[in-house]
């Protein structure tokens, strides 16, 4: 399900960027969370931001299981 993260929660196992308060996330049935929708990555020391499709959206284009629990 889609949700907004209420507090920082470590890093996304797909892109390895931090999951930060206010990020739009997908919470899978196994309770793992990943970026969903538009995500911004910091690209250099000036903190320019580049948008890309949410991590789990791209993952599910080619996979049908949780990245951390592939047998579920």
PDB file of N, CA and C in Angstrom:
ATOM      1  N   UNK A   1       0.837  -1.186   0.000  1.00  0.00           N
ATOM      2  CA  UNK A   1       0.000   0.000   0.000  1.00  0.00           C
ATOM      3  C   UNK A   1       0.880   1.248   0.000  1.00  0.00           C
ATOM      4  N   UNK A   2       0.356   2.345  -0.533  1.00  0.00           N
ATOM      5  CA  UNK A   2       1.105   3.594  -0.591  1.00  0.00           C
ATOM      6  C   UNK A   2       0.867   4.396   0.680  1.00  0.00           C
ATOM      7  N   UNK A   3       1.919   5.034   1.171  1.00  0.00           N
ATOM      8  CA  UNK A   3       1.843   5.759   2.430  1.00  0.00           C
ATOM      9  C   UNK A   3       2.910   6.852   2.421  1.00  0.00           C
ATOM     10  N   UNK A   4       2.867   7.735   3.408  1.00  0.00           N
ATOM     11  CA  UNK A   4       3.906   8.741   3.607  1.00  0.00           C
ATOM     12  C   UNK A   4       4.638   8.375   4.886  1.00  0.00           C
ATOM     13  N   UNK A   5       5.951   8.332   4.806  1.00  0.00           N
ATOM     14  CA  UNK A   5       6.770   7.913   5.934  1.00  0.00           C
ATOM     15  C   UNK A   5       6.700   8.939   7.057  1.00  0.00           C
ATOM     16  N   UNK A   6       6.392   8.481   8.269  1.00  0.00           N
ATOM     17  CA  UNK A   6       6.224   9.391   9.408  1.00  0.00           C
ATOM     18  C   UNK A   6       7.535   9.676  10.137  1.00  0.00           C
ATOM     19  N   UNK A   7       8.567   8.841   9.917  1.00  0.00           N
ATOM     20  CA  UNK A   7       9.879   9.093  10.518  1.00  0.00           C
ATOM     21  C   UNK A   7      10.947   8.429   9.657  1.00  0.00           C
ATOM     22  N   UNK A   8      12.179   8.877   9.778  1.00  0.00           N
ATOM     23  CA  UNK A   8      13.280   8.298   9.020  1.00  0.00           C
ATOM     24  C   UNK A   8      13.344   6.797   9.301  1.00  0.00           C
ATOM     25  N   UNK A   9      13.705   6.012   8.262  1.00  0.00           N
ATOM     26  CA  UNK A   9      13.656   4.555   8.430  1.00  0.00           C
ATOM     27  C   UNK A   9      14.821   3.836   7.766  1.00  0.00           C
ATOM     28  N   UNK A  10      16.021   4.386   7.850  1.00  0.00           N
ATOM     29  CA  UNK A  10      17.173   3.704   7.272  1.00  0.00           C
ATOM     30  C   UNK A  10      17.229   3.888   5.769  1.00  0.00           C
ATOM     31  N   UNK A  11      17.821   2.906   5.068  1.00  0.00           N
ATOM     32  CA  UNK A  11      17.976   3.075   3.631  1.00  0.00           C
ATOM     33  C   UNK A  11      17.080   2.137   2.838  1.00  0.00           C
ATOM     34  N   UNK A  12      16.745   2.582   1.650  1.00  0.00           N
ATOM     35  CA  UNK A  12      15.968   1.775   0.709  1.00  0.00           C
ATOM     36  C   UNK A  12      16.893   0.688   0.159  1.00  0.00           C
ATOM     37  N   UNK A  13      16.487  -0.563   0.236  1.00  0.00           N
ATOM     38  CA  UNK A  13      17.328  -1.672  -0.217  1.00  0.00           C
ATOM     39  C   UNK A  13      17.493  -1.706  -1.733  1.00  0.00           C
ATOM     40  N   UNK A  14      16.711  -0.922  -2.460  1.00  0.00           N
ATOM     41  CA  UNK A  14      16.830  -0.908  -3.920  1.00  0.00           C
ATOM     42  C   UNK A  14      17.817   0.157  -4.377  1.00  0.00           C
ATOM     43  N   UNK A  15      17.622   1.427  -3.962  1.00  0.00           N
ATOM     44  CA  UNK A  15      18.491   2.516  -4.433  1.00  0.00           C
ATOM     45  C   UNK A  15      19.586   2.876  -3.436  1.00  0.00           C
ATOM     46  N   UNK A  16      19.472   2.387  -2.196  1.00  0.00           N
ATOM     47  CA  UNK A  16      20.425   2.639  -1.121  1.00  0.00           C
ATOM     48  C   UNK A  16      20.424   4.087  -0.622  1.00  0.00           C
ATOM     49  N   UNK A  17      19.416   4.872  -1.030  1.00  0.00           N
ATOM     50  CA  UNK A  17      19.234   6.221  -0.492  1.00  0.00           C
ATOM     51  C   UNK A  17      18.424   6.119   0.803  1.00  0.00           C
ATOM     52  N   UNK A  18      18.580   7.103   1.667  1.00  0.00           N
ATOM     53  CA  UNK A  18      17.854   7.117   2.925  1.00  0.00           C
ATOM     54  C   UNK A  18      16.347   7.260   2.708  1.00  0.00           C
ATOM     55  N   UNK A  19      15.573   6.523   3.480  1.00  0.00           N
ATOM     56  CA  UNK A  19      14.123   6.694   3.543  1.00  0.00           C
ATOM     57  C   UNK A  19      13.881   7.760   4.608  1.00  0.00           C
ATOM     58  N   UNK A  20      13.405   8.925   4.177  1.00  0.00           N
ATOM     59  CA  UNK A  20      13.294  10.052   5.090  1.00  0.00           C
ATOM     60  C   UNK A  20      11.841  10.422   5.352  1.00  0.00           C
ATOM     61  N   UNK A  21      11.618  10.996   6.525  1.00  0.00           N
ATOM     62  CA  UNK A  21      10.281  11.455   6.906  1.00  0.00           C
ATOM     63  C   UNK A  21       9.692  12.277   5.763  1.00  0.00           C
ATOM     64  N   UNK A  22       8.444  11.985   5.408  1.00  0.00           N
ATOM     65  CA  UNK A  22       7.761  12.701   4.338  1.00  0.00           C
ATOM     66  C   UNK A  22       7.859  12.035   2.978  1.00  0.00           C
ATOM     67  N   UNK A  23       8.778  11.052   2.822  1.00  0.00           N
ATOM     68  CA  UNK A  23       8.886  10.331   1.551  1.00  0.00           C
ATOM     69  C   UNK A  23       7.625   9.515   1.302  1.00  0.00           C
ATOM     70  N   UNK A  24       7.226   9.412   0.039  1.00  0.00           N
ATOM     71  CA  UNK A  24       6.134   8.521  -0.328  1.00  0.00           C
ATOM     72  C   UNK A  24       6.731   7.127  -0.441  1.00  0.00           C
ATOM     73  N   UNK A  25       6.107   6.174   0.229  1.00  0.00           N
ATOM     74  CA  UNK A  25       6.634   4.810   0.270  1.00  0.00           C
ATOM     75  C   UNK A  25       5.554   3.802  -0.100  1.00  0.00           C
ATOM     76  N   UNK A  26       6.000   2.610  -0.423  1.00  0.00           N
ATOM     77  CA  UNK A  26       5.111   1.461  -0.564  1.00  0.00           C
ATOM     78  C   UNK A  26       5.466   0.509   0.568  1.00  0.00           C
ATOM     79  N   UNK A  27       4.457   0.042   1.275  1.00  0.00           N
ATOM     80  CA  UNK A  27       4.660  -0.928   2.352  1.00  0.00           C
ATOM     81  C   UNK A  27       4.101  -2.255   1.844  1.00  0.00           C
ATOM     82  N   UNK A  28       4.982  -3.222   1.661  1.00  0.00           N
ATOM     83  CA  UNK A  28       4.577  -4.520   1.130  1.00  0.00           C
ATOM     84  C   UNK A  28       3.949  -5.379   2.230  1.00  0.00           C
ATOM     85  N   UNK A  29       3.271  -6.465   1.873  1.00  0.00           N
ATOM     86  CA  UNK A  29       2.658  -7.338   2.885  1.00  0.00           C
ATOM     87  C   UNK A  29       3.658  -7.874   3.915  1.00  0.00           C
ATOM     88  N   UNK A  30       4.926  -8.025   3.514  1.00  0.00           N
ATOM     89  CA  UNK A  30       5.963  -8.497   4.440  1.00  0.00           C
ATOM     90  C   UNK A  30       6.445  -7.374   5.369  1.00  0.00           C
ATOM     91  N   UNK A  31       5.892  -6.159   5.209  1.00  0.00           N
ATOM     92  CA  UNK A  31       6.188  -4.954   5.982  1.00  0.00           C
ATOM     93  C   UNK A  31       7.466  -4.235   5.560  1.00  0.00           C
ATOM     94  N   UNK A  32       8.135  -4.709   4.514  1.00  0.00           N
ATOM     95  CA  UNK A  32       9.279  -3.971   3.970  1.00  0.00           C
ATOM     96  C   UNK A  32       8.768  -2.698   3.314  1.00  0.00           C
ATOM     97  N   UNK A  33       9.586  -1.648   3.353  1.00  0.00           N
ATOM     98  CA  UNK A  33       9.180  -0.380   2.742  1.00  0.00           C
ATOM     99  C   UNK A  33      10.235   0.082   1.731  1.00  0.00           C
ATOM    100  N   UNK A  34       9.749   0.727   0.668  1.00  0.00           N
ATOM    101  CA  UNK A  34      10.594   1.214  -0.413  1.00  0.00           C
ATOM    102  C   UNK A  34      10.024   2.524  -0.922  1.00  0.00           C
ATOM    103  N   UNK A  35      10.859   3.314  -1.602  1.00  0.00           N
ATOM    104  CA  UNK A  35      10.370   4.535  -2.238  1.00  0.00           C
ATOM    105  C   UNK A  35       9.299   4.189  -3.264  1.00  0.00           C
ATOM    106  N   UNK A  36       8.282   5.033  -3.356  1.00  0.00           N
ATOM    107  CA  UNK A  36       7.213   4.860  -4.337  1.00  0.00           C
ATOM    108  C   UNK A  36       6.912   6.217  -4.958  1.00  0.00           C
ATOM    109  N   UNK A  37       6.511   6.198  -6.213  1.00  0.00           N
ATOM    110  CA  UNK A  37       6.214   7.461  -6.883  1.00  0.00           C
ATOM    111  C   UNK A  37       7.491   8.196  -7.206  1.00  0.00           C
ATOM    112  N   UNK A  38       7.421   9.510  -7.288  1.00  0.00           N
ATOM    113  CA  UNK A  38       8.585  10.306  -7.658  1.00  0.00           C
ATOM    114  C   UNK A  38       9.551  10.415  -6.495  1.00  0.00           C
ATOM    115  N   UNK A  39      10.815  10.108  -6.745  1.00  0.00           N
ATOM    116  CA  UNK A  39      11.862  10.139  -5.723  1.00  0.00           C
ATOM    117  C   UNK A  39      12.958  11.084  -6.200  1.00  0.00           C
ATOM    118  N   UNK A  40      13.602  11.766  -5.278  1.00  0.00           N
ATOM    119  CA  UNK A  40      14.681  12.678  -5.634  1.00  0.00           C
ATOM    120  C   UNK A  40      15.995  12.172  -5.058  1.00  0.00           C
ATOM    121  N   UNK A  41      17.021  12.129  -5.891  1.00  0.00           N
ATOM    122  CA  UNK A  41      18.363  11.761  -5.449  1.00  0.00           C
ATOM    123  C   UNK A  41      19.254  12.989  -5.445  1.00  0.00           C
ATOM    124  N   UNK A  42      20.098  13.125  -4.437  1.00  0.00           N
ATOM    125  CA  UNK A  42      21.097  14.189  -4.431  1.00  0.00           C
ATOM    126  C   UNK A  42      22.244  13.722  -5.322  1.00  0.00           C
ATOM    127  N   UNK A  43      22.614  14.543  -6.295  1.00  0.00           N
ATOM    128  CA  UNK A  43      23.586  14.110  -7.285  1.00  0.00           C
ATOM    129  C   UNK A  43      24.998  14.656  -7.072  1.00  0.00           C
ATOM    130  N   UNK A  44      25.184  15.742  -6.328  1.00  0.00           N
ATOM    131  CA  UNK A  44      26.520  16.276  -6.108  1.00  0.00           C
ATOM    132  C   UNK A  44      26.545  17.127  -4.846  1.00  0.00           C
ATOM    133  N   UNK A  45      27.690  17.739  -4.554  1.00  0.00           N
ATOM    134  CA  UNK A  45      27.840  18.491  -3.308  1.00  0.00           C
ATOM    135  C   UNK A  45      26.947  19.717  -3.242  1.00  0.00           C
ATOM    136  N   UNK A  46      26.454  20.193  -4.385  1.00  0.00           N
ATOM    137  CA  UNK A  46      25.544  21.341  -4.387  1.00  0.00           C
ATOM    138  C   UNK A  46      24.101  20.898  -4.165  1.00  0.00           C
ATOM    139  N   UNK A  47      23.883  19.617  -3.994  1.00  0.00           N
ATOM    140  CA  UNK A  47      22.569  19.039  -3.734  1.00  0.00           C
ATOM    141  C   UNK A  47      21.545  19.323  -4.834  1.00  0.00           C
ATOM    142  N   UNK A  48      22.026  19.272  -6.077  1.00  0.00           N
ATOM    143  CA  UNK A  48      21.088  19.298  -7.191  1.00  0.00           C
ATOM    144  C   UNK A  48      20.253  18.032  -7.083  1.00  0.00           C
ATOM    145  N   UNK A  49      19.000  18.132  -7.421  1.00  0.00           N
ATOM    146  CA  UNK A  49      18.132  16.967  -7.288  1.00  0.00           C
ATOM    147  C   UNK A  49      17.660  16.508  -8.657  1.00  0.00           C
ATOM    148  N   UNK A  50      17.605  15.210  -8.843  1.00  0.00           N
ATOM    149  CA  UNK A  50      17.125  14.620 -10.083  1.00  0.00           C
ATOM    150  C   UNK A  50      16.003  13.659  -9.723  1.00  0.00           C
ATOM    151  N   UNK A  51      14.866  13.789 -10.385  1.00  0.00           N
ATOM    152  CA  UNK A  51      13.721  12.929 -10.098  1.00  0.00           C
ATOM    153  C   UNK A  51      13.797  11.663 -10.938  1.00  0.00           C
ATOM    154  N   UNK A  52      13.292  10.566 -10.406  1.00  0.00           N
ATOM    155  CA  UNK A  52      13.133   9.331 -11.163  1.00  0.00           C
ATOM    156  C   UNK A  52      11.954   8.564 -10.600  1.00  0.00           C
ATOM    157  N   UNK A  53      11.513   7.559 -11.328  1.00  0.00           N
ATOM    158  CA  UNK A  53      10.374   6.753 -10.884  1.00  0.00           C
ATOM    159  C   UNK A  53      10.721   6.075  -9.565  1.00  0.00           C
ATOM    160  N   UNK A  54       9.735   5.864  -8.716  1.00  0.00           N
ATOM    161  CA  UNK A  54       9.956   5.222  -7.427  1.00  0.00           C
ATOM    162  C   UNK A  54      10.601   3.854  -7.553  1.00  0.00           C
ATOM    163  N   UNK A  55      11.451   3.542  -6.606  1.00  0.00           N
ATOM    164  CA  UNK A  55      12.225   2.305  -6.630  1.00  0.00           C
ATOM    165  C   UNK A  55      11.358   1.064  -6.815  1.00  0.00           C
ATOM    166  N   UNK A  56      10.309   0.945  -6.003  1.00  0.00           N
ATOM    167  CA  UNK A  56       9.502  -0.272  -6.051  1.00  0.00           C
ATOM    168  C   UNK A  56       8.696  -0.346  -7.344  1.00  0.00           C
ATOM    169  N   UNK A  57       8.342   0.816  -7.914  1.00  0.00           N
ATOM    170  CA  UNK A  57       7.627   0.822  -9.188  1.00  0.00           C
ATOM    171  C   UNK A  57       8.496   0.191 -10.277  1.00  0.00           C
ATOM    172  N   UNK A  58       9.762   0.621 -10.346  1.00  0.00           N
ATOM    173  CA  UNK A  58      10.684   0.063 -11.335  1.00  0.00           C
ATOM    174  C   UNK A  58      10.947  -1.415 -11.058  1.00  0.00           C
ATOM    175  N   UNK A  59      11.118  -1.769  -9.789  1.00  0.00           N
ATOM    176  CA  UNK A  59      11.377  -3.156  -9.411  1.00  0.00           C
ATOM    177  C   UNK A  59      10.245  -4.064  -9.898  1.00  0.00           C
ATOM    178  N   UNK A  60       9.000  -3.640  -9.661  1.00  0.00           N
ATOM    179  CA  UNK A  60       7.854  -4.469 -10.029  1.00  0.00           C
ATOM    180  C   UNK A  60       7.613  -4.532 -11.536  1.00  0.00           C
ATOM    181  N   UNK A  61       8.289  -3.698 -12.323  1.00  0.00           N
ATOM    182  CA  UNK A  61       8.185  -3.831 -13.767  1.00  0.00           C
ATOM    183  C   UNK A  61       8.825  -5.126 -14.250  1.00  0.00           C
ATOM    184  N   UNK A  62       9.815  -5.641 -13.505  1.00  0.00           N
ATOM    185  CA  UNK A  62      10.511  -6.871 -13.924  1.00  0.00           C
ATOM    186  C   UNK A  62      10.477  -7.978 -12.872  1.00  0.00           C
ATOM    187  N   UNK A  63       9.993  -7.690 -11.669  1.00  0.00           N
ATOM    188  CA  UNK A  63       9.952  -8.679 -10.583  1.00  0.00           C
ATOM    189  C   UNK A  63       8.561  -8.688  -9.956  1.00  0.00           C
ATOM    190  N   UNK A  64       8.202  -9.770  -9.325  1.00  0.00           N
ATOM    191  CA  UNK A  64       6.892  -9.868  -8.672  1.00  0.00           C
ATOM    192  C   UNK A  64       6.991 -10.246  -7.203  1.00  0.00           C
ATOM    193  N   UNK A  65       8.165 -10.028  -6.603  1.00  0.00           N
ATOM    194  CA  UNK A  65       8.325 -10.355  -5.190  1.00  0.00           C
ATOM    195  C   UNK A  65       9.113  -9.249  -4.504  1.00  0.00           C
ATOM    196  N   UNK A  66       9.111  -9.270  -3.191  1.00  0.00           N
ATOM    197  CA  UNK A  66       9.862  -8.320  -2.397  1.00  0.00           C
ATOM    198  C   UNK A  66      11.364  -8.511  -2.679  1.00  0.00           C
ATOM    199  N   UNK A  67      12.129  -7.439  -2.849  1.00  0.00           N
ATOM    200  CA  UNK A  67      13.566  -7.576  -3.076  1.00  0.00           C
ATOM    201  C   UNK A  67      14.305  -8.271  -1.928  1.00  0.00           C
ATOM    202  N   UNK A  68      13.770  -8.130  -0.729  1.00  0.00           N
ATOM    203  CA  UNK A  68      14.427  -8.728   0.440  1.00  0.00           C
ATOM    204  C   UNK A  68      13.836 -10.084   0.828  1.00  0.00           C
ATOM    205  N   UNK A  69      12.673 -10.425   0.281  1.00  0.00           N
ATOM    206  CA  UNK A  69      12.008 -11.695   0.594  1.00  0.00           C
ATOM    207  C   UNK A  69      11.494 -12.326  -0.695  1.00  0.00           C
ATOM    208  N   UNK A  70      12.380 -12.741  -1.596  1.00  0.00           N
ATOM    209  CA  UNK A  70      11.942 -13.225  -2.911  1.00  0.00           C
ATOM    210  C   UNK A  70      11.087 -14.487  -2.882  1.00  0.00           C
ATOM    211  N   UNK A  71      11.145 -15.242  -1.805  1.00  0.00           N
ATOM    212  CA  UNK A  71      10.340 -16.476  -1.756  1.00  0.00           C
ATOM    213  C   UNK A  71       8.926 -16.242  -1.238  1.00  0.00           C
ATOM    214  N   UNK A  72       8.624 -15.029  -0.741  1.00  0.00           N
ATOM    215  CA  UNK A  72       7.282 -14.716  -0.213  1.00  0.00           C
ATOM    216  C   UNK A  72       6.294 -14.492  -1.335  1.00  0.00           C
TER     217      UNK A  72
END
